[in-house]
Amino acid sequence: MRELYDQWQTQGISKQAFCNQNGMGYHKFNYWVKKFRRKNVAPVEPTRGFSQIPVQQPDVIEQNQQALAAITFPSGARIELFGSLDASFIRKLIL
């Protein structure tokens, strides 16, 4: 929605005309326009492909050691985290 909002901003046409051109509901688009204006949300740069996340080589993980956290994605991919957890590292894995 942010990308559509940015497109609308550059075109200089009414919200209704923009919605008609792009086949979307006016009320839904208007909701997002208000939300972006209120929060002054910065545009999100689209990401493509994979990002490298540097990881220190962990000590050997014992077979019976349980993960402190696990992230399962809709695709079925699963990431298990052992040891201390850093919130910024987890954020990089998810986003």
N, C-alpha and C. Protein backbone atom coordinates (compact mmCIF):
# COMPACT_ATOMS: atom_id res chain seq x y z
N MET A 1 0.82 -1.20 0.00
CA MET A 1 0.00 0.00 0.00
C MET A 1 0.86 1.26 0.00
N ARG A 2 2.02 1.17 0.64
CA ARG A 2 2.89 2.34 0.67
C ARG A 2 3.34 2.71 -0.74
N GLU A 3 3.62 1.71 -1.55
CA GLU A 3 4.05 1.97 -2.93
C GLU A 3 2.93 2.67 -3.71
N LEU A 4 1.70 2.22 -3.52
CA LEU A 4 0.56 2.86 -4.19
C LEU A 4 0.37 4.30 -3.69
N TYR A 5 0.54 4.48 -2.39
CA TYR A 5 0.42 5.81 -1.81
C TYR A 5 1.46 6.75 -2.43
N ASP A 6 2.69 6.27 -2.56
CA ASP A 6 3.76 7.09 -3.16
C ASP A 6 3.46 7.41 -4.62
N GLN A 7 2.92 6.43 -5.34
CA GLN A 7 2.54 6.67 -6.74
C GLN A 7 1.47 7.76 -6.82
N TRP A 8 0.46 7.66 -5.96
CA TRP A 8 -0.62 8.64 -5.95
C TRP A 8 -0.07 10.04 -5.66
N GLN A 9 0.87 10.13 -4.72
CA GLN A 9 1.46 11.42 -4.36
C GLN A 9 2.13 12.08 -5.57
N THR A 10 2.79 11.30 -6.39
CA THR A 10 3.53 11.87 -7.52
C THR A 10 2.63 12.21 -8.71
N GLN A 11 1.45 11.59 -8.80
CA GLN A 11 0.58 11.81 -9.94
C GLN A 11 -0.26 13.08 -9.85
N GLY A 12 -0.51 13.55 -8.64
CA GLY A 12 -1.26 14.78 -8.48
C GLY A 12 -2.72 14.68 -8.91
N ILE A 13 -3.32 13.51 -8.77
CA ILE A 13 -4.74 13.35 -9.09
C ILE A 13 -5.51 13.05 -7.82
N SER A 14 -6.82 13.10 -7.88
CA SER A 14 -7.63 12.84 -6.69
C SER A 14 -7.52 11.37 -6.29
N LYS A 15 -7.85 11.10 -5.03
CA LYS A 15 -7.82 9.72 -4.56
C LYS A 15 -8.82 8.87 -5.34
N GLN A 16 -9.98 9.45 -5.60
CA GLN A 16 -11.01 8.70 -6.33
C GLN A 16 -10.53 8.32 -7.73
N ALA A 17 -9.93 9.27 -8.43
CA ALA A 17 -9.43 8.99 -9.78
C ALA A 17 -8.32 7.94 -9.73
N PHE A 18 -7.45 8.04 -8.74
CA PHE A 18 -6.36 7.06 -8.61
C PHE A 18 -6.93 5.66 -8.35
N CYS A 19 -7.92 5.58 -7.48
CA CYS A 19 -8.54 4.29 -7.17
C CYS A 19 -9.20 3.70 -8.41
N ASN A 20 -9.88 4.54 -9.19
CA ASN A 20 -10.53 4.06 -10.41
C ASN A 20 -9.49 3.54 -11.41
N GLN A 21 -8.38 4.24 -11.55
CA GLN A 21 -7.32 3.82 -12.48
C GLN A 21 -6.68 2.51 -12.06
N ASN A 22 -6.61 2.28 -10.74
CA ASN A 22 -5.88 1.11 -10.23
C ASN A 22 -6.81 -0.01 -9.74
N GLY A 23 -8.12 0.16 -9.95
CA GLY A 23 -9.07 -0.89 -9.60
C GLY A 23 -9.11 -1.25 -8.13
N MET A 24 -9.08 -0.24 -7.28
CA MET A 24 -9.13 -0.51 -5.83
C MET A 24 -10.25 0.30 -5.20
N GLY A 25 -10.68 -0.15 -4.04
CA GLY A 25 -11.74 0.54 -3.32
C GLY A 25 -11.26 1.86 -2.72
N TYR A 26 -12.08 2.88 -2.87
CA TYR A 26 -11.73 4.21 -2.37
C TYR A 26 -11.55 4.20 -0.86
N HIS A 27 -12.48 3.58 -0.14
CA HIS A 27 -12.44 3.62 1.33
C HIS A 27 -11.21 2.92 1.88
N LYS A 28 -10.83 1.81 1.26
CA LYS A 28 -9.63 1.10 1.71
C LYS A 28 -8.39 1.97 1.47
N PHE A 29 -8.30 2.57 0.29
CA PHE A 29 -7.15 3.42 -0.01
C PHE A 29 -7.12 4.64 0.90
N ASN A 30 -8.26 5.24 1.13
CA ASN A 30 -8.35 6.41 1.99
C ASN A 30 -7.90 6.08 3.42
N TYR A 31 -8.24 4.88 3.89
CA TYR A 31 -7.79 4.43 5.20
C TYR A 31 -6.27 4.46 5.28
N TRP A 32 -5.59 3.92 4.26
CA TRP A 32 -4.13 3.88 4.25
C TRP A 32 -3.53 5.27 4.09
N VAL A 33 -4.15 6.12 3.29
CA VAL A 33 -3.65 7.50 3.14
C VAL A 33 -3.64 8.18 4.51
N LYS A 34 -4.73 8.06 5.25
CA LYS A 34 -4.80 8.67 6.58
C LYS A 34 -3.75 8.08 7.51
N LYS A 35 -3.58 6.78 7.43
CA LYS A 35 -2.61 6.12 8.30
C LYS A 35 -1.19 6.59 8.01
N PHE A 36 -0.82 6.69 6.72
CA PHE A 36 0.52 7.13 6.37
C PHE A 36 0.74 8.59 6.75
N ARG A 37 -0.26 9.40 6.56
CA ARG A 37 -0.11 10.83 6.91
C ARG A 37 0.00 11.02 8.42
N ARG A 38 -0.78 10.27 9.17
CA ARG A 38 -0.80 10.41 10.63
C ARG A 38 0.53 9.98 11.24
N LYS A 39 1.04 8.87 10.79
CA LYS A 39 2.25 8.32 11.38
C LYS A 39 3.51 8.80 10.70
N ASN A 40 3.35 9.47 9.56
CA ASN A 40 4.50 9.93 8.78
C ASN A 40 5.46 8.77 8.56
N VAL A 41 4.92 7.67 8.08
CA VAL A 41 5.68 6.45 7.88
C VAL A 41 6.65 6.62 6.71
N ALA A 42 7.90 6.29 6.95
CA ALA A 42 8.91 6.37 5.89
C ALA A 42 8.70 5.23 4.91
N PRO A 43 8.98 5.45 3.64
CA PRO A 43 8.81 4.38 2.66
C PRO A 43 9.75 3.21 2.95
N VAL A 44 9.26 2.02 2.69
CA VAL A 44 10.05 0.82 2.90
C VAL A 44 10.71 0.44 1.58
N GLU A 45 12.01 0.26 1.64
CA GLU A 45 12.74 -0.14 0.45
C GLU A 45 12.46 -1.61 0.18
N PRO A 46 12.03 -1.94 -1.03
CA PRO A 46 11.78 -3.35 -1.33
C PRO A 46 13.08 -4.13 -1.34
N THR A 47 13.02 -5.35 -0.83
CA THR A 47 14.20 -6.19 -0.82
C THR A 47 14.02 -7.30 -1.84
N ARG A 48 15.10 -7.71 -2.40
CA ARG A 48 15.07 -8.77 -3.38
C ARG A 48 16.12 -9.81 -3.01
N GLY A 49 15.77 -11.05 -3.19
CA GLY A 49 16.74 -12.11 -2.96
C GLY A 49 17.06 -12.31 -1.50
N PHE A 50 18.29 -12.68 -1.24
CA PHE A 50 18.72 -12.99 0.11
C PHE A 50 19.67 -11.92 0.62
N SER A 51 19.70 -11.75 1.92
CA SER A 51 20.66 -10.87 2.57
C SER A 51 21.60 -11.73 3.39
N GLN A 52 22.85 -11.35 3.38
CA GLN A 52 23.81 -12.08 4.19
C GLN A 52 23.73 -11.59 5.62
N ILE A 53 23.64 -12.52 6.54
CA ILE A 53 23.63 -12.19 7.96
C ILE A 53 24.86 -12.84 8.56
N PRO A 54 25.80 -12.01 9.04
CA PRO A 54 27.01 -12.60 9.62
C PRO A 54 26.68 -13.34 10.91
N VAL A 55 27.18 -14.54 11.03
CA VAL A 55 26.94 -15.36 12.21
C VAL A 55 28.27 -15.89 12.70
N GLN A 56 28.49 -15.74 13.99
CA GLN A 56 29.70 -16.29 14.56
C GLN A 56 29.53 -17.80 14.66
N GLN A 57 30.62 -18.51 14.47
CA GLN A 57 30.55 -19.97 14.57
C GLN A 57 30.22 -20.35 16.01
N PRO A 58 29.11 -21.04 16.19
CA PRO A 58 28.75 -21.44 17.55
C PRO A 58 29.60 -22.61 18.01
N ASP A 59 29.66 -22.76 19.32
CA ASP A 59 30.28 -23.97 19.86
C ASP A 59 29.41 -25.14 19.43
N VAL A 60 29.93 -26.30 19.50
CA VAL A 60 29.17 -27.49 19.10
C VAL A 60 27.90 -27.57 19.96
N ILE A 61 26.79 -27.69 19.28
CA ILE A 61 25.51 -27.78 19.99
C ILE A 61 25.26 -29.25 20.32
N GLU A 62 25.02 -29.48 21.58
CA GLU A 62 24.75 -30.85 22.00
C GLU A 62 23.44 -31.32 21.38
N GLN A 63 23.36 -32.59 21.07
CA GLN A 63 22.18 -33.12 20.42
C GLN A 63 20.93 -32.99 21.27
N ASN A 64 21.07 -33.01 22.56
CA ASN A 64 19.89 -32.95 23.43
C ASN A 64 19.55 -31.52 23.86
N GLN A 65 20.33 -30.55 23.42
CA GLN A 65 20.05 -29.15 23.78
C GLN A 65 18.85 -28.65 22.98
N GLN A 66 17.92 -28.00 23.66
CA GLN A 66 16.73 -27.50 22.99
C GLN A 66 16.95 -26.04 22.58
N ALA A 67 16.32 -25.68 21.49
CA ALA A 67 16.41 -24.30 20.99
C ALA A 67 15.69 -23.37 21.96
N LEU A 68 16.24 -22.15 22.13
CA LEU A 68 15.58 -21.14 22.95
C LEU A 68 14.40 -20.52 22.22
N ALA A 69 14.51 -20.48 20.89
CA ALA A 69 13.42 -19.93 20.07
C ALA A 69 13.46 -20.60 18.71
N ALA A 70 12.31 -20.64 18.08
CA ALA A 70 12.21 -21.20 16.73
C ALA A 70 11.27 -20.33 15.93
N ILE A 71 11.63 -20.08 14.69
CA ILE A 71 10.80 -19.29 13.78
C ILE A 71 10.44 -20.22 12.63
N THR A 72 9.14 -20.41 12.41
CA THR A 72 8.67 -21.24 11.30
C THR A 72 7.94 -20.34 10.32
N PHE A 73 8.40 -20.32 9.08
CA PHE A 73 7.81 -19.49 8.05
C PHE A 73 6.69 -20.25 7.34
N PRO A 74 5.78 -19.52 6.68
CA PRO A 74 4.67 -20.19 5.97
C PRO A 74 5.14 -21.23 4.95
N SER A 75 6.34 -21.05 4.41
CA SER A 75 6.86 -22.00 3.43
C SER A 75 7.29 -23.32 4.07
N GLY A 76 7.36 -23.33 5.41
CA GLY A 76 7.82 -24.52 6.11
C GLY A 76 9.26 -24.42 6.58
N ALA A 77 9.99 -23.41 6.09
CA ALA A 77 11.37 -23.21 6.53
C ALA A 77 11.36 -22.90 8.02
N ARG A 78 12.33 -23.42 8.72
CA ARG A 78 12.37 -23.25 10.18
C ARG A 78 13.78 -22.83 10.59
N ILE A 79 13.83 -21.86 11.47
CA ILE A 79 15.10 -21.39 12.03
C ILE A 79 15.04 -21.63 13.53
N GLU A 80 16.04 -22.34 14.05
CA GLU A 80 16.11 -22.57 15.48
C GLU A 80 17.29 -21.79 16.04
N LEU A 81 17.06 -21.12 17.16
CA LEU A 81 18.08 -20.28 17.77
C LEU A 81 18.52 -20.88 19.10
N PHE A 82 19.82 -21.02 19.26
CA PHE A 82 20.41 -21.55 20.48
C PHE A 82 21.27 -20.47 21.10
N GLY A 83 21.43 -20.50 22.40
CA GLY A 83 22.29 -19.53 23.07
C GLY A 83 21.56 -18.24 23.35
N SER A 84 22.32 -17.17 23.58
CA SER A 84 21.70 -15.88 23.90
C SER A 84 21.02 -15.31 22.67
N LEU A 85 19.92 -14.63 22.89
CA LEU A 85 19.14 -14.07 21.78
C LEU A 85 19.27 -12.55 21.75
N ASP A 86 19.58 -12.03 20.59
CA ASP A 86 19.68 -10.59 20.38
C ASP A 86 18.50 -10.19 19.49
N ALA A 87 17.67 -9.27 19.96
CA ALA A 87 16.46 -8.88 19.23
C ALA A 87 16.77 -8.36 17.83
N SER A 88 17.85 -7.60 17.66
CA SER A 88 18.16 -7.05 16.33
C SER A 88 18.54 -8.17 15.36
N PHE A 89 19.19 -9.22 15.85
CA PHE A 89 19.53 -10.35 15.00
C PHE A 89 18.28 -11.08 14.55
N ILE A 90 17.34 -11.30 15.47
CA ILE A 90 16.09 -11.97 15.13
C ILE A 90 15.32 -11.15 14.12
N ARG A 91 15.31 -9.84 14.29
CA ARG A 91 14.62 -8.97 13.35
C ARG A 91 15.18 -9.13 11.93
N LYS A 92 16.49 -9.22 11.81
CA LYS A 92 17.13 -9.41 10.50
C LYS A 92 16.70 -10.74 9.86
N LEU A 93 16.51 -11.74 10.68
CA LEU A 93 16.11 -13.04 10.15
C LEU A 93 14.68 -13.00 9.61
N ILE A 94 13.83 -12.26 10.25
CA ILE A 94 12.42 -12.24 9.90
C ILE A 94 12.13 -11.30 8.74
N LEU A 95 12.75 -10.13 8.73
CA LEU A 95 12.43 -9.14 7.71
C LEU A 95 13.19 -9.31 6.46
